Amino acid sequence: MQLPPKVTDRAFARLAEIGAAAQGQALRIAVEGGGCSGFQYEIALDEAKPDDLVLEGQGEKVVVDTVSLPFLENAVIDFTEELIGARFTIENPNATSSCGCGTSFSM
């Protein structure tokens, strides 16, 4: 049984701060081929599509397409603020290695 990704309260709070839902947008998390480790995350504001998995919290939405879903099984989508900047992050237990950039990984 496939476990869907989880979204932290911090990530939903950040989406609420930027007013994503008020603009009719959701945070789209996708996995694409490429990057320095084989796969890379694409994170962007987008409209939900009919076949997306929709994760909801605090009036906001995070969406994942069906092709990306197996790569994100049981992953945690978070928002972090560090000295180098603030960004959405993905902690993916399926990734065997990742690049220092944080957006590229291999399985």
N, C-alpha and C. Protein backbone atom coordinates (compact mmCIF):
# COMPACT_ATOMS: atom_id res chain seq x y z
N MET A 1 0.84 -1.18 0.00
CA MET A 1 0.00 0.00 0.00
C MET A 1 0.88 1.25 0.00
N GLN A 2 0.61 2.13 -0.91
CA GLN A 2 1.40 3.35 -1.05
C GLN A 2 0.97 4.40 -0.03
N LEU A 3 1.94 4.97 0.67
CA LEU A 3 1.65 6.02 1.64
C LEU A 3 1.84 7.37 0.97
N PRO A 4 0.85 8.26 1.01
CA PRO A 4 0.99 9.56 0.37
C PRO A 4 2.00 10.43 1.10
N PRO A 5 2.52 11.45 0.43
CA PRO A 5 3.40 12.39 1.13
C PRO A 5 2.63 13.13 2.22
N LYS A 6 3.36 13.67 3.17
CA LYS A 6 2.78 14.46 4.25
C LYS A 6 3.24 15.90 4.07
N VAL A 7 2.41 16.83 4.51
CA VAL A 7 2.75 18.25 4.45
C VAL A 7 2.74 18.78 5.87
N THR A 8 3.80 19.48 6.27
CA THR A 8 3.88 20.01 7.63
C THR A 8 3.00 21.24 7.79
N ASP A 9 2.67 21.55 9.03
CA ASP A 9 1.90 22.76 9.34
C ASP A 9 2.66 24.01 8.87
N ARG A 10 4.01 23.98 8.99
CA ARG A 10 4.83 25.12 8.54
C ARG A 10 4.66 25.39 7.05
N ALA A 11 4.61 24.32 6.26
CA ALA A 11 4.45 24.48 4.81
C ALA A 11 3.07 25.07 4.49
N PHE A 12 2.03 24.55 5.14
CA PHE A 12 0.69 25.11 4.91
C PHE A 12 0.63 26.56 5.39
N ALA A 13 1.28 26.88 6.51
CA ALA A 13 1.27 28.25 7.03
C ALA A 13 1.95 29.19 6.04
N ARG A 14 3.04 28.76 5.43
CA ARG A 14 3.74 29.61 4.46
C ARG A 14 2.86 29.84 3.22
N LEU A 15 2.15 28.81 2.78
CA LEU A 15 1.23 28.98 1.65
C LEU A 15 0.14 29.98 2.00
N ALA A 16 -0.34 29.93 3.25
CA ALA A 16 -1.36 30.89 3.69
C ALA A 16 -0.78 32.30 3.72
N GLU A 17 0.48 32.46 4.15
CA GLU A 17 1.13 33.77 4.18
C GLU A 17 1.21 34.39 2.79
N ILE A 18 1.51 33.59 1.80
CA ILE A 18 1.64 34.13 0.44
C ILE A 18 0.29 34.18 -0.28
N GLY A 19 -0.75 33.67 0.36
CA GLY A 19 -2.10 33.76 -0.19
C GLY A 19 -2.33 32.90 -1.42
N ALA A 20 -1.76 31.70 -1.43
CA ALA A 20 -1.88 30.83 -2.60
C ALA A 20 -3.34 30.51 -2.92
N ALA A 21 -4.10 30.07 -1.93
CA ALA A 21 -5.50 29.68 -2.16
C ALA A 21 -6.33 30.88 -2.60
N ALA A 22 -6.04 32.05 -2.04
CA ALA A 22 -6.78 33.26 -2.41
C ALA A 22 -6.57 33.60 -3.89
N GLN A 23 -5.46 33.15 -4.44
CA GLN A 23 -5.15 33.37 -5.86
C GLN A 23 -5.58 32.19 -6.72
N GLY A 24 -6.25 31.20 -6.11
CA GLY A 24 -6.69 30.02 -6.84
C GLY A 24 -5.54 29.07 -7.17
N GLN A 25 -4.47 29.14 -6.38
CA GLN A 25 -3.28 28.35 -6.64
C GLN A 25 -3.05 27.32 -5.53
N ALA A 26 -2.30 26.29 -5.89
CA ALA A 26 -1.85 25.27 -4.94
C ALA A 26 -0.35 25.11 -5.14
N LEU A 27 0.33 24.55 -4.16
CA LEU A 27 1.75 24.25 -4.32
C LEU A 27 1.86 22.91 -5.03
N ARG A 28 2.44 22.90 -6.22
CA ARG A 28 2.62 21.67 -6.99
C ARG A 28 4.01 21.12 -6.71
N ILE A 29 4.05 19.84 -6.32
CA ILE A 29 5.30 19.11 -6.13
C ILE A 29 5.35 18.04 -7.21
N ALA A 30 6.37 18.09 -8.05
CA ALA A 30 6.51 17.12 -9.13
C ALA A 30 7.94 16.59 -9.15
N VAL A 31 8.10 15.40 -9.70
CA VAL A 31 9.42 14.79 -9.88
C VAL A 31 9.64 14.64 -11.38
N GLU A 32 10.79 15.13 -11.84
CA GLU A 32 11.12 15.03 -13.26
C GLU A 32 12.51 14.44 -13.41
N GLY A 33 12.75 13.83 -14.55
CA GLY A 33 14.09 13.34 -14.84
C GLY A 33 15.03 14.51 -15.04
N GLY A 34 16.28 14.35 -14.62
CA GLY A 34 17.26 15.42 -14.79
C GLY A 34 17.94 15.74 -13.49
N GLY A 35 18.59 16.87 -13.45
CA GLY A 35 19.33 17.26 -12.26
C GLY A 35 20.63 16.50 -12.19
N CYS A 36 21.47 16.85 -11.25
CA CYS A 36 22.79 16.24 -11.16
C CYS A 36 22.77 14.84 -10.56
N SER A 37 21.63 14.40 -10.00
CA SER A 37 21.56 13.06 -9.41
C SER A 37 20.57 12.13 -10.10
N GLY A 38 19.95 12.55 -11.18
CA GLY A 38 19.04 11.67 -11.92
C GLY A 38 17.61 12.13 -11.93
N PHE A 39 17.11 12.63 -10.79
CA PHE A 39 15.75 13.16 -10.70
C PHE A 39 15.83 14.52 -10.03
N GLN A 40 14.85 15.34 -10.29
CA GLN A 40 14.81 16.63 -9.61
C GLN A 40 13.38 17.00 -9.26
N TYR A 41 13.24 17.77 -8.19
CA TYR A 41 11.93 18.23 -7.76
C TYR A 41 11.60 19.52 -8.50
N GLU A 42 10.36 19.63 -8.90
CA GLU A 42 9.83 20.87 -9.44
C GLU A 42 8.79 21.34 -8.43
N ILE A 43 8.98 22.54 -7.91
CA ILE A 43 8.08 23.09 -6.91
C ILE A 43 7.60 24.44 -7.42
N ALA A 44 6.29 24.57 -7.60
CA ALA A 44 5.75 25.81 -8.16
C ALA A 44 4.29 25.97 -7.75
N LEU A 45 3.82 27.20 -7.83
CA LEU A 45 2.40 27.45 -7.63
C LEU A 45 1.70 27.13 -8.94
N ASP A 46 0.58 26.43 -8.87
CA ASP A 46 -0.12 25.97 -10.05
C ASP A 46 -1.57 25.69 -9.67
N GLU A 47 -2.40 25.49 -10.66
CA GLU A 47 -3.78 25.09 -10.41
C GLU A 47 -3.86 23.57 -10.30
N ALA A 48 -4.72 23.08 -9.43
CA ALA A 48 -4.92 21.64 -9.29
C ALA A 48 -5.58 21.09 -10.54
N LYS A 49 -5.16 19.90 -10.94
CA LYS A 49 -5.74 19.22 -12.10
C LYS A 49 -6.61 18.06 -11.59
N PRO A 50 -7.56 17.60 -12.40
CA PRO A 50 -8.51 16.58 -11.94
C PRO A 50 -7.89 15.30 -11.40
N ASP A 51 -6.75 14.85 -11.94
CA ASP A 51 -6.17 13.58 -11.48
C ASP A 51 -5.09 13.75 -10.41
N ASP A 52 -4.88 14.97 -9.90
CA ASP A 52 -3.88 15.21 -8.86
C ASP A 52 -4.32 14.65 -7.51
N LEU A 53 -3.34 14.23 -6.72
CA LEU A 53 -3.58 13.99 -5.30
C LEU A 53 -3.57 15.36 -4.65
N VAL A 54 -4.60 15.68 -3.89
CA VAL A 54 -4.71 16.98 -3.24
C VAL A 54 -4.58 16.78 -1.73
N LEU A 55 -3.60 17.45 -1.13
CA LEU A 55 -3.39 17.43 0.31
C LEU A 55 -3.80 18.81 0.83
N GLU A 56 -4.70 18.85 1.80
CA GLU A 56 -5.24 20.13 2.25
C GLU A 56 -4.96 20.37 3.73
N GLY A 57 -4.74 21.64 4.06
CA GLY A 57 -4.55 22.06 5.44
C GLY A 57 -4.55 23.57 5.53
N GLN A 58 -5.12 24.10 6.58
CA GLN A 58 -5.16 25.54 6.84
C GLN A 58 -5.75 26.31 5.65
N GLY A 59 -6.68 25.68 4.93
CA GLY A 59 -7.31 26.33 3.79
C GLY A 59 -6.45 26.37 2.54
N GLU A 60 -5.31 25.71 2.57
CA GLU A 60 -4.37 25.68 1.44
C GLU A 60 -4.27 24.28 0.87
N LYS A 61 -3.70 24.16 -0.34
CA LYS A 61 -3.58 22.87 -1.00
C LYS A 61 -2.16 22.65 -1.52
N VAL A 62 -1.73 21.40 -1.41
CA VAL A 62 -0.51 20.92 -2.06
C VAL A 62 -0.95 19.80 -2.99
N VAL A 63 -0.50 19.84 -4.25
CA VAL A 63 -0.94 18.85 -5.22
C VAL A 63 0.26 18.09 -5.79
N VAL A 64 0.02 16.80 -6.08
CA VAL A 64 1.04 15.92 -6.66
C VAL A 64 0.39 15.17 -7.81
N ASP A 65 1.04 15.16 -8.97
CA ASP A 65 0.49 14.44 -10.12
C ASP A 65 0.72 12.94 -9.94
N THR A 66 -0.05 12.14 -10.66
CA THR A 66 -0.01 10.68 -10.49
C THR A 66 1.33 10.07 -10.90
N VAL A 67 2.04 10.67 -11.84
CA VAL A 67 3.35 10.14 -12.26
C VAL A 67 4.39 10.35 -11.16
N SER A 68 4.33 11.49 -10.47
CA SER A 68 5.30 11.80 -9.42
C SER A 68 5.02 11.09 -8.11
N LEU A 69 3.78 10.69 -7.90
CA LEU A 69 3.35 10.13 -6.62
C LEU A 69 4.21 8.96 -6.12
N PRO A 70 4.55 7.95 -6.96
CA PRO A 70 5.37 6.84 -6.45
C PRO A 70 6.76 7.28 -5.95
N PHE A 71 7.29 8.35 -6.53
CA PHE A 71 8.61 8.85 -6.12
C PHE A 71 8.54 9.59 -4.79
N LEU A 72 7.35 10.01 -4.41
CA LEU A 72 7.16 10.81 -3.20
C LEU A 72 6.46 10.05 -2.08
N GLU A 73 6.41 8.73 -2.20
CA GLU A 73 5.74 7.92 -1.18
C GLU A 73 6.35 8.18 0.18
N ASN A 74 5.50 8.57 1.14
CA ASN A 74 5.88 8.80 2.53
C ASN A 74 6.88 9.95 2.71
N ALA A 75 7.03 10.81 1.72
CA ALA A 75 7.92 11.98 1.83
C ALA A 75 7.26 13.04 2.72
N VAL A 76 8.07 13.97 3.21
CA VAL A 76 7.57 15.06 4.04
C VAL A 76 7.90 16.37 3.34
N ILE A 77 6.87 17.15 3.06
CA ILE A 77 7.02 18.46 2.43
C ILE A 77 6.97 19.50 3.53
N ASP A 78 8.01 20.32 3.61
CA ASP A 78 8.16 21.27 4.71
C ASP A 78 8.57 22.63 4.16
N PHE A 79 8.60 23.63 5.03
CA PHE A 79 9.12 24.94 4.69
C PHE A 79 10.18 25.28 5.72
N THR A 80 11.37 25.64 5.26
CA THR A 80 12.46 25.95 6.19
C THR A 80 13.00 27.35 5.93
N GLU A 81 13.46 27.96 7.00
CA GLU A 81 14.13 29.26 6.91
C GLU A 81 15.51 29.10 7.50
N GLU A 82 16.53 29.32 6.66
CA GLU A 82 17.92 29.16 7.07
C GLU A 82 18.70 30.40 6.66
N LEU A 83 19.96 30.46 7.02
CA LEU A 83 20.80 31.59 6.64
C LEU A 83 20.88 31.76 5.13
N ILE A 84 20.84 30.65 4.40
CA ILE A 84 20.96 30.72 2.95
C ILE A 84 19.64 31.07 2.27
N GLY A 85 18.56 31.14 3.03
CA GLY A 85 17.27 31.51 2.47
C GLY A 85 16.15 30.63 2.96
N ALA A 86 14.96 31.01 2.58
CA ALA A 86 13.76 30.26 2.95
C ALA A 86 13.26 29.52 1.71
N ARG A 87 12.80 28.27 1.93
CA ARG A 87 12.34 27.49 0.78
C ARG A 87 11.50 26.30 1.25
N PHE A 88 10.72 25.76 0.30
CA PHE A 88 10.03 24.51 0.55
C PHE A 88 11.04 23.39 0.36
N THR A 89 11.00 22.40 1.24
CA THR A 89 11.94 21.28 1.18
C THR A 89 11.16 19.96 1.16
N ILE A 90 11.84 18.93 0.68
CA ILE A 90 11.23 17.60 0.64
C ILE A 90 12.19 16.61 1.28
N GLU A 91 11.73 15.97 2.34
CA GLU A 91 12.49 14.90 2.98
C GLU A 91 11.92 13.60 2.42
N ASN A 92 12.70 12.95 1.57
CA ASN A 92 12.21 11.80 0.82
C ASN A 92 12.92 10.52 1.26
N PRO A 93 12.22 9.61 1.95
CA PRO A 93 12.86 8.38 2.40
C PRO A 93 13.19 7.42 1.25
N ASN A 94 12.68 7.69 0.05
CA ASN A 94 12.95 6.84 -1.11
C ASN A 94 14.23 7.20 -1.82
N ALA A 95 14.77 8.38 -1.57
CA ALA A 95 15.98 8.83 -2.24
C ALA A 95 17.19 8.13 -1.63
N THR A 96 18.00 7.50 -2.46
CA THR A 96 19.20 6.83 -1.97
C THR A 96 20.35 7.81 -1.81
N SER A 97 20.34 8.89 -2.56
CA SER A 97 21.33 9.96 -2.41
C SER A 97 20.72 11.24 -2.94
N SER A 98 21.27 12.36 -2.50
CA SER A 98 20.79 13.64 -2.99
C SER A 98 21.96 14.58 -3.19
N CYS A 99 21.72 15.59 -3.96
CA CYS A 99 22.74 16.57 -4.29
C CYS A 99 22.74 17.66 -3.22
N GLY A 100 23.81 18.39 -3.11
CA GLY A 100 23.90 19.47 -2.15
C GLY A 100 22.89 20.57 -2.40
N CYS A 101 22.37 20.66 -3.63
CA CYS A 101 21.41 21.71 -3.95
C CYS A 101 20.05 21.46 -3.29
N GLY A 102 19.78 20.20 -2.92
CA GLY A 102 18.52 19.88 -2.24
C GLY A 102 17.35 19.65 -3.18
N THR A 103 17.55 19.84 -4.49
CA THR A 103 16.44 19.64 -5.42
C THR A 103 16.68 18.44 -6.34
N SER A 104 17.82 17.81 -6.23
CA SER A 104 18.15 16.68 -7.11
C SER A 104 18.44 15.45 -6.26
N PHE A 105 17.99 14.27 -6.75
CA PHE A 105 18.18 13.05 -5.97
C PHE A 105 18.23 11.85 -6.88
N SER A 106 18.64 10.70 -6.32
CA SER A 106 18.60 9.44 -7.07
C SER A 106 17.87 8.41 -6.24
N MET A 107 17.40 7.36 -6.92
CA MET A 107 16.67 6.29 -6.23
C MET A 107 17.28 4.95 -6.57
